[in-house]
Amino acid sequence: MDYLTTQMFFDNNQFYEFKARCDFWGIKVPIIAGIMPITNKKGIEKMAELSPGTQFPAGLLKAIHRADEDQVMNVGVHWASTQVFDLLAYNVDGIHFYTLNRCKPTMEIYRNLGLSSSDVLWE
């Protein structure tokens, strides 16, 4: 196995705990963090279906609940951008964006990071 990619997660502490457990058990391959920006309120239900065990932090749920449907993507992009900033600060091995064929939210995250798609290396 060359690397692992995690399920989507919305709480970086879950990722750090998983990574620490892998280290403890001697798993030494790179672990790629799976990030998926929420784009609509129905999306939360679908994500929970697709990824059993996914936990949604109370702060994220409150922000989405307060948002109008047309603002939910902004909330999701902001949350995911904050996650990515934190993950990069902790020198993660990589980040995989679950886009579900919607590139706009991921492009917004790139912009929030000060990047463009041409700055990203595709392998």
N, C-alpha and C. Protein backbone atom coordinates (compact mmCIF):
# COMPACT_ATOMS: atom_id res chain seq x y z
N MET A 1 0.84 -1.16 0.00
CA MET A 1 0.00 0.00 0.00
C MET A 1 0.90 1.24 0.00
N ASP A 2 0.63 2.16 -0.91
CA ASP A 2 1.45 3.36 -1.02
C ASP A 2 0.99 4.50 -0.13
N TYR A 3 -0.32 4.62 0.10
CA TYR A 3 -0.86 5.70 0.93
C TYR A 3 -2.30 5.36 1.31
N LEU A 4 -2.84 6.09 2.27
CA LEU A 4 -4.23 5.97 2.68
C LEU A 4 -4.93 7.30 2.45
N THR A 5 -6.19 7.25 2.05
CA THR A 5 -7.03 8.46 1.98
C THR A 5 -8.19 8.24 2.93
N THR A 6 -8.43 9.20 3.80
CA THR A 6 -9.50 9.06 4.78
C THR A 6 -10.86 9.34 4.17
N GLN A 7 -11.88 8.91 4.90
CA GLN A 7 -13.24 9.36 4.60
C GLN A 7 -13.25 10.87 4.83
N MET A 8 -14.32 11.50 4.37
CA MET A 8 -14.48 12.91 4.69
C MET A 8 -14.65 13.07 6.19
N PHE A 9 -14.16 14.17 6.70
CA PHE A 9 -14.35 14.48 8.12
C PHE A 9 -14.48 15.99 8.26
N PHE A 10 -15.11 16.41 9.34
CA PHE A 10 -15.38 17.82 9.56
C PHE A 10 -14.75 18.33 10.85
N ASP A 11 -14.09 17.44 11.56
CA ASP A 11 -13.40 17.79 12.80
C ASP A 11 -11.97 17.27 12.68
N ASN A 12 -11.02 18.19 12.56
CA ASN A 12 -9.63 17.79 12.35
C ASN A 12 -9.09 16.94 13.50
N ASN A 13 -9.65 17.12 14.69
CA ASN A 13 -9.17 16.30 15.82
C ASN A 13 -9.39 14.82 15.55
N GLN A 14 -10.46 14.48 14.84
CA GLN A 14 -10.68 13.08 14.47
C GLN A 14 -9.55 12.57 13.58
N PHE A 15 -9.14 13.41 12.64
CA PHE A 15 -8.04 13.03 11.74
C PHE A 15 -6.75 12.85 12.54
N TYR A 16 -6.45 13.80 13.43
CA TYR A 16 -5.21 13.72 14.19
C TYR A 16 -5.20 12.48 15.10
N GLU A 17 -6.35 12.15 15.66
CA GLU A 17 -6.46 10.94 16.49
C GLU A 17 -6.23 9.69 15.64
N PHE A 18 -6.84 9.65 14.45
CA PHE A 18 -6.65 8.51 13.55
C PHE A 18 -5.17 8.38 13.18
N LYS A 19 -4.54 9.49 12.85
CA LYS A 19 -3.13 9.47 12.47
C LYS A 19 -2.26 8.98 13.63
N ALA A 20 -2.57 9.42 14.84
CA ALA A 20 -1.81 8.98 16.01
C ALA A 20 -1.97 7.48 16.23
N ARG A 21 -3.17 6.97 16.01
CA ARG A 21 -3.39 5.53 16.17
C ARG A 21 -2.62 4.75 15.10
N CYS A 22 -2.60 5.27 13.89
CA CYS A 22 -1.83 4.61 12.82
C CYS A 22 -0.35 4.59 13.19
N ASP A 23 0.16 5.72 13.69
CA ASP A 23 1.56 5.76 14.12
C ASP A 23 1.82 4.72 15.21
N PHE A 24 0.91 4.64 16.17
CA PHE A 24 1.06 3.69 17.27
C PHE A 24 1.15 2.26 16.75
N TRP A 25 0.33 1.93 15.76
CA TRP A 25 0.31 0.57 15.22
C TRP A 25 1.35 0.34 14.13
N GLY A 26 2.21 1.33 13.90
CA GLY A 26 3.31 1.13 12.96
C GLY A 26 2.93 1.33 11.50
N ILE A 27 1.80 1.95 11.25
CA ILE A 27 1.40 2.24 9.87
C ILE A 27 2.15 3.49 9.44
N LYS A 28 3.03 3.35 8.49
CA LYS A 28 3.95 4.44 8.13
C LYS A 28 3.72 5.03 6.76
N VAL A 29 2.66 4.62 6.05
CA VAL A 29 2.40 5.20 4.73
C VAL A 29 1.80 6.60 4.90
N PRO A 30 1.94 7.46 3.89
CA PRO A 30 1.30 8.78 3.96
C PRO A 30 -0.21 8.64 4.12
N ILE A 31 -0.77 9.52 4.92
CA ILE A 31 -2.22 9.53 5.15
C ILE A 31 -2.77 10.85 4.61
N ILE A 32 -3.62 10.72 3.59
CA ILE A 32 -4.20 11.87 2.90
C ILE A 32 -5.54 12.21 3.57
N ALA A 33 -5.72 13.46 3.93
CA ALA A 33 -6.93 13.92 4.61
C ALA A 33 -8.05 14.16 3.59
N GLY A 34 -9.22 13.60 3.85
CA GLY A 34 -10.38 13.74 2.95
C GLY A 34 -11.29 14.87 3.39
N ILE A 35 -11.38 15.90 2.57
CA ILE A 35 -12.18 17.09 2.88
C ILE A 35 -13.30 17.23 1.87
N MET A 36 -14.49 17.54 2.37
CA MET A 36 -15.63 17.75 1.49
C MET A 36 -16.43 18.95 1.98
N PRO A 37 -16.43 20.03 1.22
CA PRO A 37 -17.23 21.19 1.64
C PRO A 37 -18.72 20.92 1.48
N ILE A 38 -19.48 21.28 2.48
CA ILE A 38 -20.93 21.14 2.41
C ILE A 38 -21.45 22.24 1.49
N THR A 39 -22.35 21.88 0.59
CA THR A 39 -22.85 22.86 -0.38
C THR A 39 -24.34 23.13 -0.24
N ASN A 40 -25.07 22.27 0.47
CA ASN A 40 -26.50 22.51 0.69
C ASN A 40 -26.95 21.72 1.91
N LYS A 41 -28.11 22.08 2.43
CA LYS A 41 -28.59 21.45 3.66
C LYS A 41 -28.89 19.97 3.47
N LYS A 42 -29.42 19.59 2.33
CA LYS A 42 -29.68 18.18 2.07
C LYS A 42 -28.39 17.38 2.01
N GLY A 43 -27.31 18.07 1.66
CA GLY A 43 -26.02 17.41 1.53
C GLY A 43 -25.55 16.75 2.81
N ILE A 44 -25.93 17.32 3.95
CA ILE A 44 -25.51 16.74 5.23
C ILE A 44 -26.10 15.34 5.38
N GLU A 45 -27.37 15.21 5.07
CA GLU A 45 -28.02 13.91 5.17
C GLU A 45 -27.36 12.91 4.22
N LYS A 46 -27.08 13.34 3.00
CA LYS A 46 -26.46 12.47 2.01
C LYS A 46 -25.05 12.05 2.46
N MET A 47 -24.30 13.01 3.02
CA MET A 47 -22.95 12.69 3.49
C MET A 47 -22.99 11.67 4.62
N ALA A 48 -23.96 11.81 5.51
CA ALA A 48 -24.08 10.85 6.60
C ALA A 48 -24.40 9.46 6.06
N GLU A 49 -25.18 9.40 5.00
CA GLU A 49 -25.50 8.12 4.35
C GLU A 49 -24.26 7.50 3.71
N LEU A 50 -23.50 8.33 2.97
CA LEU A 50 -22.34 7.86 2.22
C LEU A 50 -21.17 7.48 3.12
N SER A 51 -21.10 8.11 4.27
CA SER A 51 -19.95 7.93 5.14
C SER A 51 -20.42 7.69 6.58
N PRO A 52 -20.89 6.48 6.87
CA PRO A 52 -21.39 6.20 8.22
C PRO A 52 -20.33 6.53 9.27
N GLY A 53 -20.79 7.09 10.36
CA GLY A 53 -19.86 7.44 11.44
C GLY A 53 -19.33 8.85 11.34
N THR A 54 -19.61 9.53 10.23
CA THR A 54 -19.15 10.92 10.11
C THR A 54 -19.83 11.76 11.18
N GLN A 55 -19.03 12.53 11.88
CA GLN A 55 -19.56 13.41 12.93
C GLN A 55 -19.52 14.84 12.44
N PHE A 56 -20.60 15.55 12.70
CA PHE A 56 -20.69 16.95 12.32
C PHE A 56 -20.58 17.79 13.59
N PRO A 57 -19.52 18.60 13.72
CA PRO A 57 -19.36 19.42 14.92
C PRO A 57 -20.57 20.36 15.10
N ALA A 58 -20.89 20.60 16.37
CA ALA A 58 -22.04 21.45 16.69
C ALA A 58 -21.92 22.83 16.04
N GLY A 59 -20.72 23.39 16.02
CA GLY A 59 -20.54 24.71 15.41
C GLY A 59 -20.89 24.73 13.94
N LEU A 60 -20.54 23.68 13.24
CA LEU A 60 -20.87 23.57 11.82
C LEU A 60 -22.37 23.43 11.63
N LEU A 61 -22.99 22.55 12.43
CA LEU A 61 -24.44 22.37 12.32
C LEU A 61 -25.20 23.66 12.63
N LYS A 62 -24.77 24.39 13.65
CA LYS A 62 -25.42 25.66 14.00
C LYS A 62 -25.29 26.67 12.86
N ALA A 63 -24.10 26.77 12.29
CA ALA A 63 -23.88 27.73 11.20
C ALA A 63 -24.74 27.40 9.99
N ILE A 64 -24.84 26.13 9.67
CA ILE A 64 -25.67 25.72 8.52
C ILE A 64 -27.14 25.95 8.82
N HIS A 65 -27.55 25.65 10.03
CA HIS A 65 -28.96 25.84 10.42
C HIS A 65 -29.35 27.31 10.32
N ARG A 66 -28.45 28.21 10.70
CA ARG A 66 -28.74 29.65 10.66
C ARG A 66 -28.72 30.22 9.25
N ALA A 67 -28.04 29.55 8.34
CA ALA A 67 -27.85 30.09 6.98
C ALA A 67 -29.08 29.85 6.11
N ASP A 68 -29.33 30.81 5.23
CA ASP A 68 -30.32 30.59 4.17
C ASP A 68 -29.72 29.57 3.21
N GLU A 69 -30.58 28.85 2.50
CA GLU A 69 -30.09 27.79 1.59
C GLU A 69 -29.06 28.33 0.61
N ASP A 70 -29.25 29.57 0.14
CA ASP A 70 -28.29 30.12 -0.83
C ASP A 70 -26.95 30.53 -0.19
N GLN A 71 -26.87 30.49 1.14
CA GLN A 71 -25.62 30.82 1.83
C GLN A 71 -24.90 29.60 2.39
N VAL A 72 -25.52 28.43 2.30
CA VAL A 72 -24.94 27.22 2.88
C VAL A 72 -23.58 26.90 2.25
N MET A 73 -23.46 27.07 0.95
CA MET A 73 -22.17 26.77 0.32
C MET A 73 -21.08 27.67 0.89
N ASN A 74 -21.39 28.93 1.16
CA ASN A 74 -20.39 29.83 1.76
C ASN A 74 -19.95 29.33 3.13
N VAL A 75 -20.92 28.86 3.91
CA VAL A 75 -20.60 28.30 5.23
C VAL A 75 -19.71 27.06 5.06
N GLY A 76 -20.09 26.17 4.15
CA GLY A 76 -19.32 24.96 3.92
C GLY A 76 -17.91 25.24 3.43
N VAL A 77 -17.78 26.19 2.52
CA VAL A 77 -16.45 26.56 2.00
C VAL A 77 -15.61 27.18 3.11
N HIS A 78 -16.22 28.04 3.92
CA HIS A 78 -15.48 28.66 5.02
C HIS A 78 -15.00 27.58 6.00
N TRP A 79 -15.89 26.65 6.38
CA TRP A 79 -15.52 25.60 7.31
C TRP A 79 -14.38 24.75 6.74
N ALA A 80 -14.53 24.33 5.49
CA ALA A 80 -13.50 23.49 4.86
C ALA A 80 -12.18 24.25 4.72
N SER A 81 -12.25 25.54 4.39
CA SER A 81 -11.03 26.34 4.27
C SER A 81 -10.30 26.40 5.60
N THR A 82 -11.05 26.57 6.69
CA THR A 82 -10.45 26.61 8.02
C THR A 82 -9.80 25.27 8.34
N GLN A 83 -10.48 24.18 7.98
CA GLN A 83 -9.89 22.86 8.18
C GLN A 83 -8.58 22.72 7.43
N VAL A 84 -8.57 23.14 6.16
CA VAL A 84 -7.38 22.98 5.32
C VAL A 84 -6.23 23.83 5.86
N PHE A 85 -6.51 25.08 6.27
CA PHE A 85 -5.46 25.91 6.87
C PHE A 85 -4.82 25.17 8.05
N ASP A 86 -5.65 24.60 8.91
CA ASP A 86 -5.16 23.89 10.08
C ASP A 86 -4.36 22.65 9.68
N LEU A 87 -4.88 21.88 8.75
CA LEU A 87 -4.18 20.66 8.30
C LEU A 87 -2.82 21.01 7.72
N LEU A 88 -2.76 22.06 6.93
CA LEU A 88 -1.48 22.47 6.34
C LEU A 88 -0.50 22.92 7.41
N ALA A 89 -1.01 23.59 8.45
CA ALA A 89 -0.15 24.02 9.55
C ALA A 89 0.46 22.82 10.27
N TYR A 90 -0.24 21.69 10.25
CA TYR A 90 0.25 20.47 10.88
C TYR A 90 0.98 19.56 9.89
N ASN A 91 1.29 20.09 8.72
CA ASN A 91 2.08 19.37 7.72
C ASN A 91 1.52 18.00 7.37
N VAL A 92 0.23 17.96 7.05
CA VAL A 92 -0.35 16.68 6.63
C VAL A 92 0.33 16.19 5.36
N ASP A 93 0.18 14.90 5.10
CA ASP A 93 0.82 14.29 3.94
C ASP A 93 0.16 14.72 2.64
N GLY A 94 -1.09 15.13 2.70
CA GLY A 94 -1.81 15.57 1.51
C GLY A 94 -3.28 15.77 1.84
N ILE A 95 -3.98 16.42 0.92
CA ILE A 95 -5.40 16.67 1.09
C ILE A 95 -6.11 16.24 -0.18
N HIS A 96 -7.16 15.46 0.00
CA HIS A 96 -8.02 15.04 -1.11
C HIS A 96 -9.36 15.73 -0.93
N PHE A 97 -9.81 16.43 -1.98
CA PHE A 97 -11.11 17.08 -1.93
C PHE A 97 -12.15 16.17 -2.59
N TYR A 98 -13.16 15.83 -1.82
CA TYR A 98 -14.32 15.12 -2.37
C TYR A 98 -15.21 16.19 -3.00
N THR A 99 -15.27 16.22 -4.31
CA THR A 99 -15.99 17.29 -5.00
C THR A 99 -17.37 16.90 -5.47
N LEU A 100 -17.62 15.61 -5.65
CA LEU A 100 -18.89 15.14 -6.22
C LEU A 100 -19.25 15.91 -7.48
N ASN A 101 -18.25 16.10 -8.32
CA ASN A 101 -18.38 16.79 -9.61
C ASN A 101 -18.78 18.26 -9.49
N ARG A 102 -18.51 18.86 -8.35
CA ARG A 102 -18.77 20.30 -8.16
C ARG A 102 -17.43 20.97 -7.86
N CYS A 103 -16.88 21.63 -8.85
CA CYS A 103 -15.55 22.20 -8.66
C CYS A 103 -15.58 23.57 -7.99
N LYS A 104 -16.70 24.28 -8.07
CA LYS A 104 -16.74 25.65 -7.54
C LYS A 104 -16.35 25.74 -6.06
N PRO A 105 -16.90 24.90 -5.17
CA PRO A 105 -16.49 25.01 -3.77
C PRO A 105 -14.99 24.79 -3.57
N THR A 106 -14.44 23.81 -4.26
CA THR A 106 -13.00 23.54 -4.11
C THR A 106 -12.18 24.70 -4.66
N MET A 107 -12.61 25.28 -5.76
CA MET A 107 -11.89 26.44 -6.30
C MET A 107 -11.95 27.62 -5.33
N GLU A 108 -13.07 27.76 -4.62
CA GLU A 108 -13.18 28.82 -3.60
C GLU A 108 -12.20 28.55 -2.45
N ILE A 109 -12.06 27.30 -2.07
CA ILE A 109 -11.09 26.96 -1.03
C ILE A 109 -9.69 27.29 -1.50
N TYR A 110 -9.37 26.95 -2.74
CA TYR A 110 -8.05 27.30 -3.30
C TYR A 110 -7.82 28.81 -3.20
N ARG A 111 -8.84 29.59 -3.59
CA ARG A 111 -8.69 31.05 -3.52
C ARG A 111 -8.48 31.51 -2.07
N ASN A 112 -9.21 30.90 -1.15
CA ASN A 112 -9.03 31.26 0.26
C ASN A 112 -7.63 30.95 0.75
N LEU A 113 -7.00 29.94 0.15
CA LEU A 113 -5.63 29.59 0.49
C LEU A 113 -4.61 30.44 -0.25
N GLY A 114 -5.10 31.27 -1.17
CA GLY A 114 -4.20 32.09 -1.99
C GLY A 114 -3.63 31.33 -3.17
N LEU A 115 -4.32 30.27 -3.61
CA LEU A 115 -3.86 29.45 -4.72
C LEU A 115 -4.81 29.56 -5.90
N SER A 116 -4.34 29.11 -7.03
CA SER A 116 -5.22 28.89 -8.19
C SER A 116 -5.03 27.43 -8.61
N SER A 117 -5.87 26.96 -9.50
CA SER A 117 -5.75 25.55 -9.90
C SER A 117 -4.39 25.27 -10.54
N SER A 118 -3.77 26.27 -11.13
CA SER A 118 -2.47 26.04 -11.76
C SER A 118 -1.35 25.89 -10.71
N ASP A 119 -1.63 26.26 -9.47
CA ASP A 119 -0.63 26.11 -8.40
C ASP A 119 -0.61 24.70 -7.83
N VAL A 120 -1.62 23.92 -8.15
CA VAL A 120 -1.75 22.60 -7.57
C VAL A 120 -1.09 21.57 -8.48
N LEU A 121 -0.33 20.69 -7.87
CA LEU A 121 0.31 19.62 -8.64
C LEU A 121 -0.65 18.45 -8.73
N TRP A 122 -0.91 17.99 -9.93
CA TRP A 122 -1.80 16.84 -10.14
C TRP A 122 -0.94 15.63 -10.43
N GLU A 123 -1.19 14.55 -9.76
CA GLU A 123 -0.43 13.32 -10.00
C GLU A 123 -1.38 12.22 -10.36
